[in-house]
Amino acid sequence: MDVLVYLIPVSLFLGGVGLAAFFWSLRARQYDDPKGDAERILSSDYDDHPKA
């Protein structure tokens, strides 16, 4: 049971790091246009295909 003294603060710290990373991704506008990205990847006219 003494190990809980170490595990609980470590887990709270890692949870806080994950939450901070999530909020950073929101502020960096990572989730702005998911529908447009989903449609863009399925279209056949994209720029990086090999030239024939």
PDB file of N, CA and C in Angstrom:
ATOM      1  N   MET A   1       0.810  -1.203   0.000  1.00  0.00           N
ATOM      2  CA  MET A   1       0.000   0.000   0.000  1.00  0.00           C
ATOM      3  C   MET A   1       0.851   1.265   0.000  1.00  0.00           C
ATOM      4  N   ASP A   2       2.107   1.135   0.361  1.00  0.00           N
ATOM      5  CA  ASP A   2       2.978   2.314   0.358  1.00  0.00           C
ATOM      6  C   ASP A   2       3.258   2.813  -1.050  1.00  0.00           C
ATOM      7  N   VAL A   3       3.105   1.934  -2.036  1.00  0.00           N
ATOM      8  CA  VAL A   3       3.385   2.328  -3.411  1.00  0.00           C
ATOM      9  C   VAL A   3       2.329   3.320  -3.923  1.00  0.00           C
ATOM     10  N   LEU A   4       1.152   3.325  -3.306  1.00  0.00           N
ATOM     11  CA  LEU A   4       0.109   4.271  -3.708  1.00  0.00           C
ATOM     12  C   LEU A   4       0.526   5.717  -3.458  1.00  0.00           C
ATOM     13  N   VAL A   5       1.401   5.921  -2.511  1.00  0.00           N
ATOM     14  CA  VAL A   5       1.909   7.262  -2.225  1.00  0.00           C
ATOM     15  C   VAL A   5       2.639   7.816  -3.449  1.00  0.00           C
ATOM     16  N   TYR A   6       3.255   6.924  -4.230  1.00  0.00           N
ATOM     17  CA  TYR A   6       3.965   7.340  -5.442  1.00  0.00           C
ATOM     18  C   TYR A   6       3.071   7.286  -6.683  1.00  0.00           C
ATOM     19  N   LEU A   7       2.224   6.281  -6.765  1.00  0.00           N
ATOM     20  CA  LEU A   7       1.440   6.075  -7.978  1.00  0.00           C
ATOM     21  C   LEU A   7       0.350   7.121  -8.163  1.00  0.00           C
ATOM     22  N   ILE A   8      -0.287   7.539  -7.103  1.00  0.00           N
ATOM     23  CA  ILE A   8      -1.372   8.512  -7.235  1.00  0.00           C
ATOM     24  C   ILE A   8      -0.856   9.864  -7.729  1.00  0.00           C
ATOM     25  N   PRO A   9       0.196  10.447  -7.170  1.00  0.00           N
ATOM     26  CA  PRO A   9       0.696  11.708  -7.727  1.00  0.00           C
ATOM     27  C   PRO A   9       1.226  11.571  -9.161  1.00  0.00           C
ATOM     28  N   VAL A  10       1.864  10.439  -9.465  1.00  0.00           N
ATOM     29  CA  VAL A  10       2.360  10.231 -10.836  1.00  0.00           C
ATOM     30  C   VAL A  10       1.197  10.156 -11.807  1.00  0.00           C
ATOM     31  N   SER A  11       0.142   9.445 -11.443  1.00  0.00           N
ATOM     32  CA  SER A  11      -1.003   9.336 -12.342  1.00  0.00           C
ATOM     33  C   SER A  11      -1.717  10.679 -12.497  1.00  0.00           C
ATOM     34  N   LEU A  12      -1.801  11.455 -11.424  1.00  0.00           N
ATOM     35  CA  LEU A  12      -2.407  12.780 -11.537  1.00  0.00           C
ATOM     36  C   LEU A  12      -1.558  13.702 -12.417  1.00  0.00           C
ATOM     37  N   PHE A  13      -0.249  13.598 -12.287  1.00  0.00           N
ATOM     38  CA  PHE A  13       0.649  14.400 -13.118  1.00  0.00           C
ATOM     39  C   PHE A  13       0.510  14.014 -14.595  1.00  0.00           C
ATOM     40  N   LEU A  14       0.500  12.725 -14.895  1.00  0.00           N
ATOM     41  CA  LEU A  14       0.365  12.287 -16.283  1.00  0.00           C
ATOM     42  C   LEU A  14      -0.997  12.650 -16.863  1.00  0.00           C
ATOM     43  N   GLY A  15      -2.033  12.580 -16.048  1.00  0.00           N
ATOM     44  CA  GLY A  15      -3.353  13.022 -16.496  1.00  0.00           C
ATOM     45  C   GLY A  15      -3.365  14.512 -16.796  1.00  0.00           C
ATOM     46  N   GLY A  16      -2.690  15.298 -15.970  1.00  0.00           N
ATOM     47  CA  GLY A  16      -2.585  16.733 -16.218  1.00  0.00           C
ATOM     48  C   GLY A  16      -1.803  17.039 -17.483  1.00  0.00           C
ATOM     49  N   VAL A  17      -0.743  16.263 -17.737  1.00  0.00           N
ATOM     50  CA  VAL A  17       0.024  16.452 -18.967  1.00  0.00           C
ATOM     51  C   VAL A  17      -0.847  16.136 -20.182  1.00  0.00           C
ATOM     52  N   GLY A  18      -1.613  15.066 -20.109  1.00  0.00           N
ATOM     53  CA  GLY A  18      -2.523  14.719 -21.203  1.00  0.00           C
ATOM     54  C   GLY A  18      -3.583  15.782 -21.415  1.00  0.00           C
ATOM     55  N   LEU A  19      -4.120  16.311 -20.354  1.00  0.00           N
ATOM     56  CA  LEU A  19      -5.129  17.371 -20.457  1.00  0.00           C
ATOM     57  C   LEU A  19      -4.524  18.647 -21.035  1.00  0.00           C
ATOM     58  N   ALA A  20      -3.308  18.968 -20.620  1.00  0.00           N
ATOM     59  CA  ALA A  20      -2.629  20.145 -21.171  1.00  0.00           C
ATOM     60  C   ALA A  20      -2.340  19.956 -22.658  1.00  0.00           C
ATOM     61  N   ALA A  21      -1.965  18.751 -23.072  1.00  0.00           N
ATOM     62  CA  ALA A  21      -1.720  18.487 -24.493  1.00  0.00           C
ATOM     63  C   ALA A  21      -3.008  18.604 -25.291  1.00  0.00           C
ATOM     64  N   PHE A  22      -4.114  18.159 -24.720  1.00  0.00           N
ATOM     65  CA  PHE A  22      -5.399  18.292 -25.401  1.00  0.00           C
ATOM     66  C   PHE A  22      -5.790  19.751 -25.566  1.00  0.00           C
ATOM     67  N   PHE A  23      -5.637  20.542 -24.517  1.00  0.00           N
ATOM     68  CA  PHE A  23      -5.971  21.960 -24.622  1.00  0.00           C
ATOM     69  C   PHE A  23      -5.024  22.686 -25.572  1.00  0.00           C
ATOM     70  N   TRP A  24      -3.756  22.282 -25.614  1.00  0.00           N
ATOM     71  CA  TRP A  24      -2.819  22.864 -26.573  1.00  0.00           C
ATOM     72  C   TRP A  24      -3.279  22.566 -27.998  1.00  0.00           C
ATOM     73  N   SER A  25      -3.731  21.335 -28.243  1.00  0.00           N
ATOM     74  CA  SER A  25      -4.182  20.998 -29.595  1.00  0.00           C
ATOM     75  C   SER A  25      -5.438  21.774 -29.970  1.00  0.00           C
ATOM     76  N   LEU A  26      -6.279  22.076 -29.003  1.00  0.00           N
ATOM     77  CA  LEU A  26      -7.444  22.913 -29.287  1.00  0.00           C
ATOM     78  C   LEU A  26      -7.018  24.339 -29.642  1.00  0.00           C
ATOM     79  N   ARG A  27      -6.061  24.882 -28.895  1.00  0.00           N
ATOM     80  CA  ARG A  27      -5.594  26.247 -29.160  1.00  0.00           C
ATOM     81  C   ARG A  27      -4.816  26.332 -30.463  1.00  0.00           C
ATOM     82  N   ALA A  28      -4.163  25.233 -30.870  1.00  0.00           N
ATOM     83  CA  ALA A  28      -3.389  25.215 -32.111  1.00  0.00           C
ATOM     84  C   ALA A  28      -4.290  24.932 -33.316  1.00  0.00           C
ATOM     85  N   ARG A  29      -5.588  24.873 -33.081  1.00  0.00           N
ATOM     86  CA  ARG A  29      -6.590  24.703 -34.136  1.00  0.00           C
ATOM     87  C   ARG A  29      -6.399  23.401 -34.910  1.00  0.00           C
ATOM     88  N   GLN A  30      -6.120  22.314 -34.197  1.00  0.00           N
ATOM     89  CA  GLN A  30      -5.923  21.020 -34.838  1.00  0.00           C
ATOM     90  C   GLN A  30      -7.237  20.388 -35.283  1.00  0.00           C
ATOM     91  N   TYR A  31      -8.355  20.806 -34.715  1.00  0.00           N
ATOM     92  CA  TYR A  31      -9.641  20.165 -34.983  1.00  0.00           C
ATOM     93  C   TYR A  31     -10.591  21.076 -35.752  1.00  0.00           C
ATOM     94  N   ASP A  32     -10.063  22.005 -36.533  1.00  0.00           N
ATOM     95  CA  ASP A  32     -10.925  22.989 -37.176  1.00  0.00           C
ATOM     96  C   ASP A  32     -11.777  22.425 -38.302  1.00  0.00           C
ATOM     97  N   ASP A  33     -11.220  21.599 -39.180  1.00  0.00           N
ATOM     98  CA  ASP A  33     -11.946  21.173 -40.365  1.00  0.00           C
ATOM     99  C   ASP A  33     -11.819  19.665 -40.584  1.00  0.00           C
ATOM    100  N   PRO A  34     -12.334  18.838 -39.670  1.00  0.00           N
ATOM    101  CA  PRO A  34     -12.172  17.405 -39.863  1.00  0.00           C
ATOM    102  C   PRO A  34     -12.988  16.860 -41.033  1.00  0.00           C
ATOM    103  N   LYS A  35     -14.137  17.463 -41.329  1.00  0.00           N
ATOM    104  CA  LYS A  35     -14.948  16.989 -42.442  1.00  0.00           C
ATOM    105  C   LYS A  35     -14.260  17.294 -43.766  1.00  0.00           C
ATOM    106  N   GLY A  36     -13.682  18.465 -43.890  1.00  0.00           N
ATOM    107  CA  GLY A  36     -12.972  18.821 -45.118  1.00  0.00           C
ATOM    108  C   GLY A  36     -11.758  17.939 -45.338  1.00  0.00           C
ATOM    109  N   ASP A  37     -11.026  17.624 -44.276  1.00  0.00           N
ATOM    110  CA  ASP A  37      -9.874  16.734 -44.398  1.00  0.00           C
ATOM    111  C   ASP A  37     -10.310  15.333 -44.803  1.00  0.00           C
ATOM    112  N   ALA A  38     -11.421  14.865 -44.259  1.00  0.00           N
ATOM    113  CA  ALA A  38     -11.902  13.531 -44.598  1.00  0.00           C
ATOM    114  C   ALA A  38     -12.304  13.456 -46.065  1.00  0.00           C
ATOM    115  N   GLU A  39     -12.922  14.502 -46.578  1.00  0.00           N
ATOM    116  CA  GLU A  39     -13.305  14.500 -47.988  1.00  0.00           C
ATOM    117  C   GLU A  39     -12.094  14.707 -48.889  1.00  0.00           C
ATOM    118  N   ARG A  40     -11.138  15.485 -48.455  1.00  0.00           N
ATOM    119  CA  ARG A  40      -9.967  15.780 -49.277  1.00  0.00           C
ATOM    120  C   ARG A  40      -9.100  14.544 -49.475  1.00  0.00           C
ATOM    121  N   ILE A  41      -8.992  13.685 -48.476  1.00  0.00           N
ATOM    122  CA  ILE A  41      -8.142  12.504 -48.605  1.00  0.00           C
ATOM    123  C   ILE A  41      -8.766  11.460 -49.525  1.00  0.00           C
ATOM    124  N   LEU A  42     -10.077  11.494 -49.694  1.00  0.00           N
ATOM    125  CA  LEU A  42     -10.742  10.526 -50.560  1.00  0.00           C
ATOM    126  C   LEU A  42     -10.848  10.997 -52.007  1.00  0.00           C
ATOM    127  N   SER A  43     -10.566  12.251 -52.270  1.00  0.00           N
ATOM    128  CA  SER A  43     -10.682  12.735 -53.646  1.00  0.00           C
ATOM    129  C   SER A  43      -9.508  12.235 -54.478  1.00  0.00           C
ATOM    130  N   SER A  44      -9.731  12.119 -55.767  1.00  0.00           N
ATOM    131  CA  SER A  44      -8.688  11.574 -56.640  1.00  0.00           C
ATOM    132  C   SER A  44      -7.758  12.654 -57.171  1.00  0.00           C
ATOM    133  N   ASP A  45      -8.096  13.899 -57.038  1.00  0.00           N
ATOM    134  CA  ASP A  45      -7.236  14.962 -57.559  1.00  0.00           C
ATOM    135  C   ASP A  45      -6.458  15.620 -56.425  1.00  0.00           C
ATOM    136  N   TYR A  46      -5.356  15.008 -56.061  1.00  0.00           N
ATOM    137  CA  TYR A  46      -4.475  15.575 -55.050  1.00  0.00           C
ATOM    138  C   TYR A  46      -3.128  15.825 -55.677  1.00  0.00           C
ATOM    139  N   ASP A  47      -2.303  16.627 -55.054  1.00  0.00           N
ATOM    140  CA  ASP A  47      -1.091  17.141 -55.667  1.00  0.00           C
ATOM    141  C   ASP A  47       0.098  16.195 -55.627  1.00  0.00           C
ATOM    142  N   ASP A  48       0.140  15.264 -54.706  1.00  0.00           N
ATOM    143  CA  ASP A  48       1.357  14.474 -54.539  1.00  0.00           C
ATOM    144  C   ASP A  48       1.349  13.126 -55.241  1.00  0.00           C
ATOM    145  N   HIS A  49       0.428  12.920 -56.193  1.00  0.00           N
ATOM    146  CA  HIS A  49       0.488  11.663 -56.929  1.00  0.00           C
ATOM    147  C   HIS A  49       1.525  11.760 -58.041  1.00  0.00           C
ATOM    148  N   PRO A  50       2.122  10.633 -58.442  1.00  0.00           N
ATOM    149  CA  PRO A  50       3.192  10.680 -59.444  1.00  0.00           C
ATOM    150  C   PRO A  50       2.687  11.177 -60.796  1.00  0.00           C
ATOM    151  N   LYS A  51       3.509  11.942 -61.453  1.00  0.00           N
ATOM    152  CA  LYS A  51       3.167  12.447 -62.768  1.00  0.00           C
ATOM    153  C   LYS A  51       3.421  11.357 -63.808  1.00  0.00           C
ATOM    154  N   ALA A  52       2.455  11.159 -64.705  1.00  0.00           N
ATOM    155  CA  ALA A  52       2.603  10.100 -65.711  1.00  0.00           C
ATOM    156  C   ALA A  52       3.205  10.619 -67.000  1.00  0.00           C
TER     157      ALA A  52
END
